[in-house]
């Protein structure tokens, strides 16, 4: 299952509130390694949220930048 950036940010908030990663695995139907990867990439996700140039940034699934951003 692919998570949107909004869902990943929600997972980060829930981790900060003390919810266990195993509970989040069940809730979002993902592997525990996915939860830990989201936790590891916290700063990248926060930067995408803060500096995202796309209006539908929350529904995106990838943080990858375009190869030719000026086109």
N, C-alpha and C. Protein backbone atom coordinates (compact mmCIF):
# COMPACT_ATOMS: atom_id res chain seq x y z
N UNK A 1 0.84 -1.18 0.00
CA UNK A 1 0.00 0.00 0.00
C UNK A 1 0.89 1.24 0.00
N UNK A 2 0.58 2.17 -0.87
CA UNK A 2 1.32 3.43 -0.92
C UNK A 2 0.62 4.46 -0.05
N UNK A 3 1.39 5.12 0.76
CA UNK A 3 0.86 6.16 1.64
C UNK A 3 1.09 7.53 1.02
N UNK A 4 0.13 8.42 1.20
CA UNK A 4 0.32 9.79 0.74
C UNK A 4 1.21 10.53 1.73
N UNK A 5 1.69 11.67 1.31
CA UNK A 5 2.53 12.47 2.20
C UNK A 5 1.74 12.90 3.43
N UNK A 6 0.47 13.20 3.24
CA UNK A 6 -0.39 13.57 4.36
C UNK A 6 -0.49 12.43 5.38
N UNK A 7 -0.64 11.21 4.90
CA UNK A 7 -0.70 10.06 5.80
C UNK A 7 0.63 9.85 6.51
N UNK A 8 1.72 10.06 5.82
CA UNK A 8 3.04 9.92 6.43
C UNK A 8 3.24 10.96 7.53
N UNK A 9 2.77 12.18 7.29
CA UNK A 9 2.87 13.22 8.32
C UNK A 9 2.00 12.88 9.52
N UNK A 10 0.84 12.28 9.26
CA UNK A 10 -0.04 11.85 10.35
C UNK A 10 0.64 10.76 11.18
N UNK A 11 1.33 9.85 10.52
CA UNK A 11 2.07 8.80 11.24
C UNK A 11 3.14 9.42 12.13
N UNK A 12 3.84 10.42 11.62
CA UNK A 12 4.87 11.10 12.43
C UNK A 12 4.25 11.73 13.68
N UNK A 13 3.11 12.38 13.52
CA UNK A 13 2.44 13.01 14.67
C UNK A 13 2.02 11.96 15.69
N UNK A 14 1.51 10.83 15.20
CA UNK A 14 1.10 9.78 16.11
C UNK A 14 2.29 9.15 16.83
N UNK A 15 3.42 9.02 16.15
CA UNK A 15 4.63 8.52 16.81
C UNK A 15 5.08 9.47 17.91
N UNK A 16 5.00 10.78 17.65
CA UNK A 16 5.39 11.77 18.65
C UNK A 16 4.45 11.75 19.85
N UNK A 17 3.18 11.36 19.61
CA UNK A 17 2.20 11.29 20.70
C UNK A 17 2.30 10.00 21.49
N UNK A 18 3.24 9.13 21.13
CA UNK A 18 3.49 7.94 21.92
C UNK A 18 2.82 6.66 21.44
N UNK A 19 2.20 6.69 20.28
CA UNK A 19 1.59 5.47 19.75
C UNK A 19 2.70 4.56 19.24
N UNK A 20 2.59 3.28 19.55
CA UNK A 20 3.62 2.32 19.18
C UNK A 20 3.61 2.04 17.68
N UNK A 21 4.79 1.83 17.11
CA UNK A 21 4.88 1.52 15.67
C UNK A 21 4.07 0.29 15.26
N UNK A 22 3.98 -0.70 16.13
CA UNK A 22 3.21 -1.89 15.79
C UNK A 22 1.72 -1.58 15.66
N UNK A 23 1.22 -0.65 16.47
CA UNK A 23 -0.18 -0.24 16.36
C UNK A 23 -0.41 0.51 15.05
N UNK A 24 0.57 1.32 14.65
CA UNK A 24 0.45 2.06 13.40
C UNK A 24 0.49 1.12 12.20
N UNK A 25 1.25 0.04 12.31
CA UNK A 25 1.30 -0.96 11.23
C UNK A 25 -0.09 -1.51 10.97
N UNK A 26 -0.77 -1.84 12.04
CA UNK A 26 -2.11 -2.40 11.92
C UNK A 26 -3.08 -1.36 11.37
N UNK A 27 -3.00 -0.15 11.88
CA UNK A 27 -3.93 0.90 11.47
C UNK A 27 -3.78 1.25 9.99
N UNK A 28 -2.54 1.40 9.52
CA UNK A 28 -2.30 1.82 8.14
C UNK A 28 -2.01 0.65 7.19
N UNK A 29 -2.05 -0.57 7.72
CA UNK A 29 -1.84 -1.79 6.92
C UNK A 29 -0.52 -1.75 6.15
N UNK A 30 0.54 -1.45 6.88
CA UNK A 30 1.88 -1.40 6.30
C UNK A 30 2.83 -2.25 7.14
N UNK A 31 4.00 -2.47 6.63
CA UNK A 31 5.03 -3.21 7.37
C UNK A 31 5.67 -2.28 8.41
N UNK A 32 6.22 -2.87 9.43
CA UNK A 32 6.86 -2.08 10.47
C UNK A 32 8.08 -1.35 9.92
N UNK A 33 8.73 -1.93 8.92
CA UNK A 33 9.89 -1.26 8.32
C UNK A 33 9.47 0.04 7.64
N UNK A 34 8.25 0.09 7.12
CA UNK A 34 7.74 1.32 6.51
C UNK A 34 7.59 2.42 7.55
N UNK A 35 7.08 2.06 8.71
CA UNK A 35 6.91 3.04 9.80
C UNK A 35 8.28 3.58 10.22
N UNK A 36 9.26 2.69 10.35
CA UNK A 36 10.60 3.14 10.75
C UNK A 36 11.27 3.97 9.65
N UNK A 37 10.99 3.66 8.40
CA UNK A 37 11.53 4.47 7.29
C UNK A 37 10.93 5.87 7.31
N UNK A 38 9.65 5.96 7.60
CA UNK A 38 9.00 7.27 7.70
C UNK A 38 9.62 8.05 8.85
N UNK A 39 9.85 7.38 9.96
CA UNK A 39 10.47 8.03 11.12
C UNK A 39 11.87 8.51 10.78
N UNK A 40 12.62 7.69 10.04
CA UNK A 40 13.99 8.04 9.66
C UNK A 40 14.01 9.24 8.71
N UNK A 41 13.02 9.34 7.83
CA UNK A 41 12.96 10.42 6.84
C UNK A 41 12.09 11.59 7.31
N UNK A 42 11.98 11.76 8.59
CA UNK A 42 11.12 12.79 9.18
C UNK A 42 11.45 14.18 8.64
N UNK A 43 12.72 14.53 8.62
CA UNK A 43 13.11 15.88 8.20
C UNK A 43 12.76 16.13 6.74
N UNK A 44 12.95 15.14 5.88
CA UNK A 44 12.59 15.28 4.47
C UNK A 44 11.09 15.52 4.31
N UNK A 45 10.30 14.77 5.07
CA UNK A 45 8.85 14.92 4.99
C UNK A 45 8.41 16.30 5.47
N UNK A 46 9.03 16.77 6.53
CA UNK A 46 8.68 18.10 7.04
C UNK A 46 9.08 19.19 6.05
N UNK A 47 10.20 19.00 5.35
CA UNK A 47 10.61 19.96 4.33
C UNK A 47 9.65 19.97 3.16
N UNK A 48 9.17 18.79 2.77
CA UNK A 48 8.21 18.72 1.67
C UNK A 48 6.93 19.44 2.06
N UNK A 49 6.52 19.27 3.31
CA UNK A 49 5.31 19.95 3.78
C UNK A 49 5.51 21.46 3.80
N UNK A 50 6.68 21.89 4.26
CA UNK A 50 6.94 23.32 4.43
C UNK A 50 7.22 24.03 3.11
N UNK A 51 8.04 23.41 2.26
CA UNK A 51 8.48 24.08 1.04
C UNK A 51 7.86 23.52 -0.23
N UNK A 52 6.88 22.66 -0.10
CA UNK A 52 6.26 22.06 -1.28
C UNK A 52 5.65 23.12 -2.18
N UNK A 53 5.94 23.04 -3.46
CA UNK A 53 5.44 24.04 -4.40
C UNK A 53 4.15 23.60 -5.07
N UNK A 54 3.77 22.37 -4.87
CA UNK A 54 2.58 21.81 -5.52
C UNK A 54 1.35 22.10 -4.65
N UNK A 55 0.25 22.48 -5.29
CA UNK A 55 -0.96 22.78 -4.52
C UNK A 55 -1.59 21.53 -3.95
N UNK A 56 -1.43 20.41 -4.62
CA UNK A 56 -1.97 19.16 -4.10
C UNK A 56 -0.87 18.34 -3.44
N UNK A 57 -0.01 19.00 -2.73
CA UNK A 57 1.17 18.38 -2.12
C UNK A 57 0.80 17.28 -1.14
N UNK A 58 -0.32 17.42 -0.45
CA UNK A 58 -0.69 16.45 0.58
C UNK A 58 -1.11 15.11 -0.01
N UNK A 59 -1.58 15.08 -1.26
CA UNK A 59 -2.03 13.82 -1.83
C UNK A 59 -0.95 13.13 -2.64
N UNK A 60 0.20 13.77 -2.78
CA UNK A 60 1.32 13.15 -3.49
C UNK A 60 1.81 11.95 -2.70
N UNK A 61 2.43 11.02 -3.40
CA UNK A 61 2.96 9.83 -2.74
C UNK A 61 4.48 9.81 -2.76
N UNK A 62 5.09 10.67 -3.55
CA UNK A 62 6.54 10.67 -3.70
C UNK A 62 7.10 12.03 -3.34
N UNK A 63 8.31 12.03 -2.78
CA UNK A 63 8.98 13.29 -2.46
C UNK A 63 10.02 13.65 -3.50
N UNK A 64 10.12 12.85 -4.53
CA UNK A 64 11.14 13.04 -5.55
C UNK A 64 10.90 14.33 -6.32
N UNK A 65 11.96 15.09 -6.53
CA UNK A 65 11.88 16.35 -7.28
C UNK A 65 11.95 16.06 -8.77
N UNK A 66 11.33 16.90 -9.60
CA UNK A 66 11.39 16.68 -11.05
C UNK A 66 12.80 16.88 -11.60
N UNK A 67 13.10 16.19 -12.69
CA UNK A 67 14.41 16.30 -13.30
C UNK A 67 14.61 17.68 -13.92
N UNK A 68 13.57 18.23 -14.56
CA UNK A 68 13.59 19.57 -15.14
C UNK A 68 12.52 20.42 -14.45
N UNK A 69 12.83 21.03 -13.31
CA UNK A 69 11.81 21.74 -12.55
C UNK A 69 11.28 23.01 -13.23
N UNK A 70 12.01 23.59 -14.15
CA UNK A 70 11.60 24.86 -14.77
C UNK A 70 10.64 24.68 -15.94
N UNK A 71 10.42 23.45 -16.40
CA UNK A 71 9.56 23.25 -17.56
C UNK A 71 8.14 23.55 -17.28
